[in-house]
Structures are given as structure tokens and as C-alpha cells.
Amino acid sequence: MRAALAGLKVFVRTFGCQMSENDSEHIAGVLGAAGAGPAGRPEDADIVIVNTCAVRQKSEEKLYSYLGRLARLKKKRPFILGVAGCVAQVRKDDLRVKFPAVDLVVGPNGYPDLPAIVLRSAASPQVRTEIGPEWREIGAEATARSNAWSAYIPVMEGCDNFCAYCIVPFARGPERYRPFESVLAEVRAAAAAGALEVQLLGQNVNSYRDPGTGRGFADLLEAVSAVPGPEWVRFITSHPKSFGDDIIRAMAASPKVCRSLHLPLQSGSTSVLARMNRGYARDDYLGLVSRLKSSLPGLLLTTDVIVGFPGETEADFEATAGLLREVRFAGIFSFRYSPRPLTAAAALRDDVPFEVKRRRLVDLQALQRSIQIEANRAFVGRDLRVLAAGPSPKGSGRFSGRTEGGLVVNFDAPADPAGLFVNVRVTGSGPYSLHAEMIPG
């Protein structure tokens, strides 16, 4: 299959999280290894793959709108149109019924076979959504990284938790773990290619177990940190109930492991957490946060919150707001609850009115904004180390990067320092970013 797609151009559009972004790197890499080159836009592509996210209804609606535009474009200029990722997995044949222009539907487990699927789809539509029991290796050699200095490294796939609201176990299947040595081999390859940062990925990354030896995530974190080259190591996403003290010790033992952590909360109410099937109570979460902050001074936490889950009362919502005030997260991703197919919560009565959900979300985001304004103001006047990512997306003529703690910094510099560590002095702050000047030398 090495030259099977020679001369063709592929465009990949991504909806979703870091896992989706890494999947898109795999999709582009696998098709590139078969000879396809990149296209900058769908209008110039022979193959268009839309990589999807099914976690929220809104993201699925965005996908359908985009597919409609592609279907109209395809009438003017034929190309092979594929849908990949989580929506592909859970919607399967329904996608082709709704969008006959779609030529192929492929779930996350089918990416290694994409060149053959693309070729067959030129003759007849293809749907490939089987989930096998083992990890299917792609590796660094067939990964088209979006940049050379920060490398996503998947360590596991799928989820066994079945939180009541979550579609991931149905979209990604049961947990499957990548071999320990395979992970390390990709980290070494990324280091050889110049990566300054590696990000270990999994739907429930801290439940990782090496399929051969049973070594856990703490062991993996220690081994990855020992690889020469990368200076920062991150990981996402962690489930609070799977976050053992051995992982905290491994984080504290390595100066490479960034003092930043995404730790999804979902609700600050113990009763709502129980209905969500999260496996922990409010006090369990707060106890974990206390142990983390005690062992990792300067740790910055971010989280996910859902408002309006079935049965959520005003007291439940206030419990969530109170937890935000207590923990003082550096950032949150907050959403109104929307029922997702196949999940246990879909059978519950969605009894929180939309306007109540909307008001709670607005109030929660306003609270968090005030927390971030105060927290970010404390960085003014400090010198920070930043991994630069290139021009600021706001188009201000400034450059952008992130600190070890994950804070966005927009700064002035004499030239684009993308892919380099730079030292900056913070001159101002807002709720979502810091403003700084680069320190020469």
C-alpha cells in the first residue's frame, strides 16, 4: 500500500479533543505513508476525512452542518468523502442514510486500514467500525505530527467506566492498553525528531496497565520522564477514582512532569455524582486535590463540569459552585447536559428546563471568570518560562505559548520563536491569558 494513493491529496478536518487531534495525525500519517500528500483545504483535495467527536450534541450538530457544506462542494468537484472518529462509530450506517455523499465511515480501530478502505470506497461505500480486543499499533513512522516540538503519545484507548452521561465507552470501546515498550519507542522517536514536550493520551490515562507485565501508569510516567530530550511531560485525561498515590509520587519525583493537571469533576454534589456513576463523592475529590497540592507545590488544576444533569437541584448546583470557590481551578470546560444515545442517562427524564441549565451555566462561567481574573493577576511582574507555539491566534502581531502550568501567554518578541522555550516577564493579565514581554538572552 506504500504508493497506492500516490498523486492524491488529502484534507483532514478535526472536531474534538486532544485524542481527536492525535487521531487526525494518525489518519494523515497513514494516508501519507500510502503516498497521499496534504491539501490545505477541501476544495483542493481528492480525499476529505472529517474526524468527529460525539461527546456533546452540539459538536455532532456542527459536524452535520459541515457535512452538508461538503456534500454541496462534492457536487461541483468530486472527491472521496469519509467520516472518522466517535460519531462514525456510534452512528455507522445512519450517516450514509442522512448524507449519501459520504463514501466511507471508519471508527478509531480502523485507521491502520484506511488506505485499503479509501481505495475500495472509490468503487462502493465502505463502513468499518469493528472494535478489536487488542491495541492496533500505528506508531511514530505513520503519524503526521502537527508540529515538531510537542508530541501526542497515545498510551491507551477506550473506557470501562460507563459514566451515566458519557458516550465514550460506546464510541471507543473497552479499555485497551499499548505495550509499555511501544510507548517508550514512540517517545524516543519524538525526542529524536526534536520534541520538547510529550503529552500522554488516553480516555482514562491513569488506568493504564502494560498488557505484558501489568506495570501501571506511575511506572510508565517514570520511564517516559527518563527519556533524554523532552523537557516537559503531560498527560490527559485522568479519572479521579483511578488516581492513586503512586501516580502523585511519580509526578513529584520528576521535575519533567508539568505541574498542571486536568482532573474532571463533572459535579460538586455527591448525590449527582452518584447518579452520574462517577465512583467518588465530593469529599473524595477534595481529598485528592489536597494530596496533589500538598505534594506538588504550584500545581494548576483544570476540570470539566456539567450543569443540569437530570435531578440536579439548586442545592446541587450551589455545591458545584462552592467547590469551584474552594479549589480555585485555573480553568474549566463547562457544558449544559444533553442526552447522548446509548448512555444510561438517556433513559432518565431530562427534567431540568433549558432556561435553568442556561442560567446555571452562565452563572458558573461568571464565577470561574472572576476566579481566573484574580489568579492570573498574581502572575503580573513574574518571570515565566514559555514553550512558544507561534503567532497569537488573535492576530495582534504578538506570539503565543504556554507555561508549564498550561497558562496561555501572549507576548512580544523580535521574531517568531515557535518551538522554542523562551523566558518572558508578565506585564498584564486577563481572565484567559497573560500578557508579557520576551526577556532577551
Protein backbone atom coordinates (compact mmCIF):
# COMPACT_ATOMS: atom_id res chain seq x y z
CA MET A 1 0.00 0.00 0.00
CA ARG A 2 3.05 2.28 0.15
CA ALA A 3 2.29 4.06 -3.13
CA ALA A 4 -1.36 3.10 -3.51
CA LEU A 5 -2.53 6.70 -3.11
CA ALA A 6 0.38 8.37 -4.90
CA GLY A 7 -0.58 11.65 -6.52
CA LEU A 8 -3.71 12.14 -4.41
CA LYS A 9 -4.21 14.96 -1.92
CA VAL A 10 -5.89 14.52 1.48
CA PHE A 11 -7.53 17.08 3.75
CA VAL A 12 -8.39 16.17 7.37
CA ARG A 13 -10.79 18.30 9.43
CA THR A 14 -10.88 17.68 13.19
CA PHE A 15 -13.70 18.14 15.68
CA GLY A 16 -12.93 17.35 19.32
CA CYS A 17 -10.24 16.98 21.95
CA GLN A 18 -6.55 16.06 22.07
CA MET A 19 -7.45 12.43 21.37
CA SER A 20 -9.22 13.54 18.20
CA GLU A 21 -6.26 15.71 17.23
CA ASN A 22 -3.92 12.74 17.68
CA ASP A 23 -6.29 10.55 15.67
CA SER A 24 -6.12 13.10 12.85
CA GLU A 25 -2.32 12.93 12.98
CA HIS A 26 -2.65 9.16 12.58
CA ILE A 27 -5.16 9.47 9.72
CA ALA A 28 -2.96 11.92 7.83
CA GLY A 29 0.13 9.85 8.59
CA VAL A 30 -1.33 6.52 7.47
CA LEU A 31 -2.65 8.03 4.23
CA GLY A 32 0.64 9.86 3.74
CA ALA A 33 2.58 6.62 4.15
CA ALA A 34 0.44 5.26 1.28
CA GLY A 35 1.51 8.13 -0.94
CA ALA A 36 -1.13 10.82 -0.39
CA GLY A 37 0.06 14.38 0.05
CA PRO A 38 -1.57 17.08 2.19
CA ALA A 39 -4.16 19.54 0.89
CA GLY A 40 -4.64 22.91 2.56
CA ARG A 41 -8.39 22.97 2.05
CA PRO A 42 -11.16 20.59 0.92
CA GLU A 43 -11.52 22.40 -2.40
CA ASP A 44 -8.06 21.11 -3.38
CA ALA A 45 -8.37 17.55 -2.00
CA ASP A 46 -9.03 14.19 -3.62
CA ILE A 47 -9.79 12.69 -0.20
CA VAL A 48 -11.55 14.57 2.62
CA ILE A 49 -11.73 12.89 6.03
CA VAL A 50 -13.82 14.52 8.76
CA ASN A 51 -12.67 13.30 12.17
CA THR A 52 -15.51 13.63 14.66
CA CYS A 53 -16.46 13.98 18.32
CA ALA A 54 -19.67 12.59 19.81
CA VAL A 55 -19.30 13.71 23.42
CA ARG A 56 -21.83 16.55 23.11
CA GLN A 57 -24.86 17.06 20.92
CA LYS A 58 -23.56 20.48 19.86
CA SER A 59 -20.38 19.00 18.37
CA GLU A 60 -22.46 16.47 16.45
CA GLU A 61 -24.68 19.24 15.09
CA LYS A 62 -21.58 21.16 13.92
CA LEU A 63 -20.44 18.03 12.11
CA TYR A 64 -23.75 17.65 10.27
CA SER A 65 -23.64 21.28 9.17
CA TYR A 66 -20.10 20.81 7.87
CA LEU A 67 -21.01 17.59 6.05
CA GLY A 68 -23.84 19.45 4.34
CA ARG A 69 -21.36 22.02 3.01
CA LEU A 70 -19.02 19.26 1.83
CA ALA A 71 -21.89 17.46 0.09
CA ARG A 72 -22.64 20.63 -1.88
CA LEU A 73 -18.96 21.05 -2.71
CA LYS A 74 -18.75 17.44 -3.89
CA LYS A 75 -21.46 18.08 -6.49
CA LYS A 76 -19.21 20.70 -8.07
CA ARG A 77 -15.94 18.77 -7.73
CA PRO A 78 -15.95 15.00 -6.97
CA PHE A 79 -13.76 13.65 -4.19
CA ILE A 80 -13.84 10.77 -1.70
CA LEU A 81 -15.60 11.87 1.49
CA GLY A 82 -15.04 9.97 4.73
CA VAL A 83 -16.27 10.33 8.29
CA ALA A 84 -13.99 9.01 11.05
CA GLY A 85 -13.92 9.02 14.84
CA CYS A 86 -16.57 8.81 17.52
CA VAL A 87 -19.65 9.87 15.53
CA ALA A 88 -18.64 7.40 12.82
CA GLN A 89 -18.50 4.67 15.43
CA VAL A 90 -21.87 5.29 17.08
CA ARG A 91 -23.88 6.45 14.03
CA LYS A 92 -22.46 3.96 11.50
CA ASP A 93 -24.86 3.32 8.60
CA ASP A 94 -27.15 6.17 9.70
CA LEU A 95 -24.53 8.62 8.48
CA ARG A 96 -24.79 7.36 4.92
CA VAL A 97 -28.57 7.44 5.06
CA LYS A 98 -28.52 11.06 6.18
CA PHE A 99 -25.58 12.02 3.94
CA PRO A 100 -25.43 9.87 0.78
CA ALA A 101 -22.37 11.85 -0.31
CA VAL A 102 -20.33 10.06 2.37
CA ASP A 103 -18.20 7.32 0.78
CA LEU A 104 -16.67 5.76 3.87
CA VAL A 105 -17.32 5.55 7.61
CA VAL A 106 -14.45 4.35 9.79
CA GLY A 107 -14.16 4.04 13.56
CA PRO A 108 -10.95 4.64 15.56
CA ASN A 109 -9.93 0.97 15.38
CA GLY A 110 -9.88 1.04 11.58
CA TYR A 111 -7.28 3.74 10.96
CA PRO A 112 -4.41 1.35 10.12
CA ASP A 113 -6.55 0.02 7.23
CA LEU A 114 -7.54 3.43 5.83
CA PRO A 115 -5.58 3.23 2.54
CA ALA A 116 -7.36 0.00 1.56
CA ILE A 117 -10.71 1.36 2.76
CA VAL A 118 -10.24 4.52 0.68
CA LEU A 119 -9.40 2.51 -2.42
CA ARG A 120 -12.44 0.24 -2.01
CA SER A 121 -14.72 3.19 -1.33
CA ALA A 122 -13.94 4.56 -4.81
CA ALA A 123 -15.98 1.62 -6.15
CA SER A 124 -18.61 1.23 -3.40
CA PRO A 125 -19.37 2.79 0.02
CA GLN A 126 -17.44 1.33 2.94
CA VAL A 127 -18.38 1.13 6.63
CA ARG A 128 -15.68 -0.14 9.00
CA THR A 129 -16.47 0.17 12.72
CA GLU A 130 -15.39 -3.10 14.32
CA ILE A 131 -13.54 -2.75 17.62
CA GLY A 132 -10.99 -5.48 18.23
CA PRO A 133 -9.79 -6.67 21.63
CA GLU A 134 -6.13 -5.66 21.14
CA TRP A 135 -4.20 -2.45 20.65
CA ARG A 136 -3.59 -1.74 16.95
CA GLU A 137 -0.20 -0.12 16.56
CA ILE A 138 0.34 2.87 14.30
CA GLY A 139 3.45 4.41 15.81
CA ALA A 140 5.64 7.38 15.03
CA GLU A 141 6.51 6.31 11.50
CA ALA A 142 2.89 6.78 10.35
CA THR A 143 1.99 9.84 12.44
CA ALA A 144 1.91 13.25 10.74
CA ARG A 145 2.55 15.49 13.73
CA SER A 146 1.01 18.94 13.65
CA ASN A 147 4.27 20.38 15.00
CA ALA A 148 7.74 19.05 15.76
CA TRP A 149 8.11 20.31 19.30
CA SER A 150 5.03 18.88 21.05
CA ALA A 151 4.16 15.21 20.54
CA TYR A 152 0.93 13.44 21.40
CA ILE A 153 1.68 9.87 22.51
CA PRO A 154 -1.39 7.59 22.95
CA VAL A 155 -1.00 5.02 25.71
CA MET A 156 -4.49 3.51 25.90
CA GLU A 157 -7.81 3.56 24.11
CA GLY A 158 -11.40 3.14 25.28
CA CYS A 159 -13.04 3.30 28.70
CA ASP A 160 -14.58 0.82 31.15
CA ASN A 161 -16.20 3.35 33.49
CA PHE A 162 -19.64 3.84 31.87
CA CYS A 163 -20.39 7.18 33.47
CA ALA A 164 -24.14 7.63 33.02
CA TYR A 165 -23.90 10.64 30.66
CA CYS A 166 -20.87 9.53 28.62
CA ILE A 167 -20.84 8.03 25.14
CA VAL A 168 -17.09 7.26 25.13
CA PRO A 169 -17.35 3.53 26.03
CA PHE A 170 -19.68 3.06 23.07
CA ALA A 171 -17.65 5.25 20.71
CA ARG A 172 -14.20 3.98 21.71
CA GLY A 173 -14.92 0.53 23.11
CA PRO A 174 -13.41 -1.15 26.19
CA GLU A 175 -10.02 -0.20 27.54
CA ARG A 176 -7.06 -1.45 25.51
CA TYR A 177 -3.52 -0.68 26.56
CA ARG A 178 -0.50 -0.03 24.40
CA PRO A 179 2.60 -2.09 25.23
CA PHE A 180 4.97 -0.31 27.61
CA GLU A 181 7.99 -0.58 25.30
CA SER A 182 5.96 0.63 22.30
CA VAL A 183 5.07 3.82 24.17
CA LEU A 184 8.72 4.38 25.09
CA ALA A 185 9.82 3.73 21.49
CA GLU A 186 7.49 6.47 20.24
CA VAL A 187 8.67 8.87 22.95
CA ARG A 188 12.28 8.21 21.88
CA ALA A 189 11.34 8.76 18.22
CA ALA A 190 9.63 12.04 19.12
CA ALA A 191 12.70 13.09 21.10
CA ALA A 192 14.95 12.29 18.13
CA ALA A 193 12.70 14.47 15.96
CA GLY A 194 13.15 17.38 18.35
CA ALA A 195 10.12 17.20 20.64
CA LEU A 196 10.48 19.38 23.71
CA GLU A 197 7.17 18.22 25.18
CA VAL A 198 5.29 14.91 25.15
CA GLN A 199 1.64 14.50 26.09
CA LEU A 200 0.49 11.01 27.09
CA LEU A 201 -3.10 10.43 25.97
CA GLY A 202 -5.94 8.14 26.95
CA GLN A 203 -9.64 8.36 27.74
CA ASN A 204 -8.73 7.23 31.27
CA VAL A 205 -4.97 7.53 31.11
CA ASN A 206 -4.23 6.74 34.73
CA SER A 207 -5.87 3.30 34.49
CA TYR A 208 -3.08 2.23 32.11
CA ARG A 209 -1.66 -1.28 32.57
CA ASP A 210 1.04 -2.79 30.37
CA PRO A 211 -0.61 -5.84 28.75
CA GLY A 212 2.54 -7.90 29.17
CA THR A 213 3.83 -7.07 32.65
CA GLY A 214 0.95 -5.28 34.36
CA ARG A 215 3.09 -2.23 35.10
CA GLY A 216 0.89 0.77 35.77
CA PHE A 217 0.75 4.41 34.81
CA ALA A 218 3.11 5.53 37.58
CA ASP A 219 5.80 3.21 36.18
CA LEU A 220 5.16 4.50 32.67
CA LEU A 221 5.35 8.11 33.82
CA GLU A 222 8.70 7.41 35.48
CA ALA A 223 10.08 5.68 32.36
CA VAL A 224 8.89 8.39 29.97
CA SER A 225 10.41 11.08 32.19
CA ALA A 226 13.78 9.31 31.96
CA VAL A 227 13.93 9.58 28.14
CA PRO A 228 16.53 12.24 27.22
CA GLY A 229 15.33 15.20 25.17
CA PRO A 230 11.79 16.26 26.07
CA GLU A 231 11.77 18.69 28.98
CA TRP A 232 8.04 18.64 29.73
CA VAL A 233 5.77 15.62 30.19
CA ARG A 234 1.98 16.00 30.41
CA PHE A 235 -0.92 13.55 30.44
CA ILE A 236 -4.67 13.69 29.87
CA THR A 237 -7.35 12.67 30.84
CA SER A 238 -7.34 11.41 34.42
CA HIS A 239 -10.32 9.92 36.23
CA PRO A 240 -10.31 10.90 39.93
CA LYS A 241 -11.26 7.41 41.10
CA SER A 242 -8.23 5.91 39.32
CA PHE A 243 -5.71 8.47 40.56
CA GLY A 244 -3.58 6.53 43.03
CA ASP A 245 -0.99 7.99 45.35
CA ASP A 246 1.69 6.13 43.35
CA ILE A 247 0.95 8.49 40.44
CA ILE A 248 1.26 11.52 42.74
CA ARG A 249 4.64 10.21 43.93
CA ALA A 250 5.80 9.67 40.34
CA MET A 251 4.76 13.22 39.43
CA ALA A 252 6.54 14.67 42.44
CA ALA A 253 9.72 12.67 41.76
CA SER A 254 10.26 14.06 38.25
CA PRO A 255 10.88 17.75 37.51
CA LYS A 256 9.89 16.98 33.90
CA VAL A 257 6.26 16.20 34.79
CA CYS A 258 4.44 19.50 34.41
CA ARG A 259 2.74 20.96 37.45
CA SER A 260 -0.55 21.06 35.59
CA LEU A 261 -3.34 18.50 35.62
CA HIS A 262 -6.77 18.12 34.06
CA LEU A 263 -8.97 16.39 36.65
CA PRO A 264 -12.63 16.17 35.53
CA LEU A 265 -15.09 16.91 38.32
CA GLN A 266 -18.47 16.97 36.47
CA SER A 267 -20.40 17.94 39.63
CA GLY A 268 -19.68 19.12 43.15
CA SER A 269 -22.76 17.34 44.51
CA THR A 270 -22.30 13.84 45.92
CA SER A 271 -25.85 12.86 45.00
CA VAL A 272 -25.41 13.99 41.39
CA LEU A 273 -22.03 12.24 41.22
CA ALA A 274 -23.73 9.03 42.35
CA ARG A 275 -26.39 9.34 39.63
CA MET A 276 -23.60 10.01 37.15
CA ASN A 277 -21.87 6.78 38.25
CA ARG A 278 -18.61 8.63 38.77
CA GLY A 279 -17.34 6.35 41.52
CA TYR A 280 -16.38 9.05 44.02
CA ALA A 281 -18.04 11.58 46.32
CA ARG A 282 -17.40 15.29 46.76
CA ASP A 283 -15.11 14.70 49.75
CA ASP A 284 -13.12 12.09 47.82
CA TYR A 285 -12.41 14.63 45.10
CA LEU A 286 -11.43 17.32 47.57
CA GLY A 287 -9.17 14.87 49.40
CA LEU A 288 -7.39 14.02 46.15
CA VAL A 289 -6.96 17.71 45.35
CA SER A 290 -5.49 18.28 48.80
CA ARG A 291 -2.95 15.45 48.37
CA LEU A 292 -2.00 16.70 44.91
CA LYS A 293 -1.44 20.29 46.00
CA SER A 294 0.48 19.19 49.08
CA SER A 295 2.85 17.03 47.04
CA LEU A 296 3.10 19.33 44.00
CA PRO A 297 3.51 22.99 45.05
CA GLY A 298 2.34 25.37 42.36
CA LEU A 299 0.13 22.78 40.67
CA LEU A 300 -2.53 24.30 38.39
CA LEU A 301 -5.72 22.29 38.00
CA THR A 302 -8.32 22.41 35.26
CA THR A 303 -11.57 20.49 35.14
CA ASP A 304 -14.84 19.62 33.35
CA VAL A 305 -18.28 20.49 34.75
CA ILE A 306 -21.77 19.53 33.55
CA VAL A 307 -24.75 21.59 34.70
CA GLY A 308 -28.36 20.49 34.52
CA PHE A 309 -27.85 16.73 34.81
CA PRO A 310 -31.23 15.01 35.44
CA GLY A 311 -32.38 15.65 39.01
CA GLU A 312 -29.89 18.48 39.67
CA THR A 313 -31.39 20.86 42.23
CA GLU A 314 -30.37 24.39 43.09
CA ALA A 315 -28.61 22.98 46.15
CA ASP A 316 -26.69 20.57 43.92
CA PHE A 317 -25.66 23.42 41.65
CA GLU A 318 -24.56 25.54 44.61
CA ALA A 319 -22.44 22.61 45.80
CA THR A 320 -20.63 22.70 42.46
CA ALA A 321 -20.16 26.47 42.64
CA GLY A 322 -18.87 26.13 46.19
CA LEU A 323 -16.32 23.53 45.12
CA LEU A 324 -15.04 25.88 42.40
CA ARG A 325 -14.58 28.59 45.01
CA GLU A 326 -12.69 26.16 47.26
CA VAL A 327 -10.39 24.56 44.69
CA ARG A 328 -9.87 27.66 42.50
CA PHE A 329 -9.26 25.92 39.19
CA ALA A 330 -7.01 27.60 36.63
CA GLY A 331 -9.63 26.85 34.00
CA ILE A 332 -12.79 24.84 33.39
CA PHE A 333 -14.65 23.35 30.46
CA SER A 334 -18.32 23.71 31.30
CA PHE A 335 -21.37 22.40 29.46
CA ARG A 336 -25.14 22.09 29.66
CA TYR A 337 -26.21 18.47 29.95
CA SER A 338 -27.56 16.96 26.75
CA PRO A 339 -28.67 13.31 26.47
CA ARG A 340 -26.40 11.13 24.36
CA PRO A 341 -27.53 7.90 22.66
CA LEU A 342 -26.78 4.54 24.28
CA THR A 343 -25.96 6.07 27.66
CA ALA A 344 -27.75 5.22 30.91
CA ALA A 345 -28.73 8.86 31.45
CA ALA A 346 -30.60 8.87 28.14
CA ALA A 347 -33.28 6.80 29.88
CA LEU A 348 -33.69 9.41 32.65
CA ARG A 349 -36.19 12.23 32.43
CA ASP A 350 -34.34 15.36 31.32
CA ASP A 351 -36.15 17.35 33.98
CA VAL A 352 -34.01 20.49 34.31
CA PRO A 353 -35.55 23.11 32.00
CA PHE A 354 -33.31 24.51 29.29
CA GLU A 355 -33.53 28.05 30.68
CA VAL A 356 -32.42 26.79 34.10
CA LYS A 357 -29.49 24.97 32.52
CA ARG A 358 -28.58 28.09 30.59
CA ARG A 359 -28.73 30.31 33.66
CA ARG A 360 -26.66 27.90 35.74
CA LEU A 361 -24.03 27.66 33.02
CA VAL A 362 -23.84 31.46 32.71
CA ASP A 363 -23.55 31.85 36.50
CA LEU A 364 -20.89 29.16 36.76
CA GLN A 365 -18.82 30.63 33.95
CA ALA A 366 -19.06 34.10 35.50
CA LEU A 367 -17.85 32.71 38.82
CA GLN A 368 -14.94 30.93 37.18
CA ARG A 369 -14.05 34.03 35.19
CA SER A 370 -13.75 36.04 38.41
CA ILE A 371 -11.55 33.31 39.93
CA GLN A 372 -9.26 33.34 36.90
CA ILE A 373 -9.03 37.15 36.85
CA GLU A 374 -7.81 37.16 40.43
CA ALA A 375 -5.47 34.18 39.99
CA ASN A 376 -3.90 35.49 36.77
CA ARG A 377 -3.37 38.94 38.25
CA ALA A 378 -0.97 37.36 40.75
CA PHE A 379 1.42 36.48 37.90
CA VAL A 380 1.97 40.11 36.86
CA GLY A 381 5.61 41.06 37.37
CA ARG A 382 6.80 37.44 37.43
CA ASP A 383 9.25 35.85 35.01
CA LEU A 384 7.95 32.65 33.41
CA ARG A 385 9.27 30.01 31.02
CA VAL A 386 7.05 29.51 27.98
CA LEU A 387 7.02 26.98 25.17
CA ALA A 388 6.23 29.18 22.17
CA ALA A 389 3.67 27.97 19.62
CA GLY A 390 3.81 30.74 17.02
CA PRO A 391 1.76 33.86 16.22
CA SER A 392 -1.13 34.62 18.55
CA PRO A 393 -4.41 33.36 17.06
CA LYS A 394 -5.92 36.74 17.84
CA GLY A 395 -3.83 38.27 15.07
CA SER A 396 -2.40 41.00 17.27
CA GLY A 397 1.12 40.73 15.90
CA ARG A 398 2.18 39.08 19.13
CA PHE A 399 3.23 35.49 19.76
CA SER A 400 1.62 32.85 21.93
CA GLY A 401 2.72 29.94 24.09
CA ARG A 402 2.00 28.07 27.28
CA THR A 403 3.66 27.85 30.65
CA GLU A 404 4.46 24.60 32.43
CA GLY A 405 1.18 25.10 34.27
CA GLY A 406 -0.71 25.35 30.97
CA LEU A 407 -1.43 29.09 31.12
CA VAL A 408 -1.69 30.85 27.76
CA VAL A 409 0.79 33.72 27.40
CA ASN A 410 0.66 36.29 24.58
CA PHE A 411 3.96 38.11 24.32
CA ASP A 412 6.04 40.47 22.22
CA ALA A 413 9.19 39.11 20.59
CA PRO A 414 11.54 40.33 17.84
CA ALA A 415 10.95 37.19 15.73
CA ASP A 416 8.71 34.13 15.73
CA PRO A 417 10.10 31.79 18.43
CA ALA A 418 7.75 28.86 17.66
CA GLY A 419 9.07 25.59 19.00
CA LEU A 420 11.47 27.20 21.45
CA PHE A 421 11.47 27.75 25.18
CA VAL A 422 11.58 31.47 25.94
CA ASN A 423 11.62 33.48 29.15
CA VAL A 424 9.04 36.22 29.48
CA ARG A 425 8.12 38.86 32.03
CA VAL A 426 4.39 39.16 32.68
CA THR A 427 3.13 42.70 32.18
CA GLY A 428 -0.61 42.19 32.35
CA SER A 429 -3.37 39.64 32.66
CA GLY A 430 -6.92 38.82 31.69
CA PRO A 431 -9.31 36.02 32.61
CA TYR A 432 -8.00 33.63 29.96
CA SER A 433 -4.39 34.60 29.29
CA LEU A 434 -1.33 36.51 30.46
CA HIS A 435 0.41 39.36 28.58
CA ALA A 436 4.19 39.53 28.60
CA GLU A 437 7.42 40.71 27.04
CA MET A 438 10.17 38.35 25.99
CA ILE A 439 13.34 38.63 28.09
CA PRO A 440 16.37 38.87 25.76
CA GLY A 441 19.14 36.31 26.01
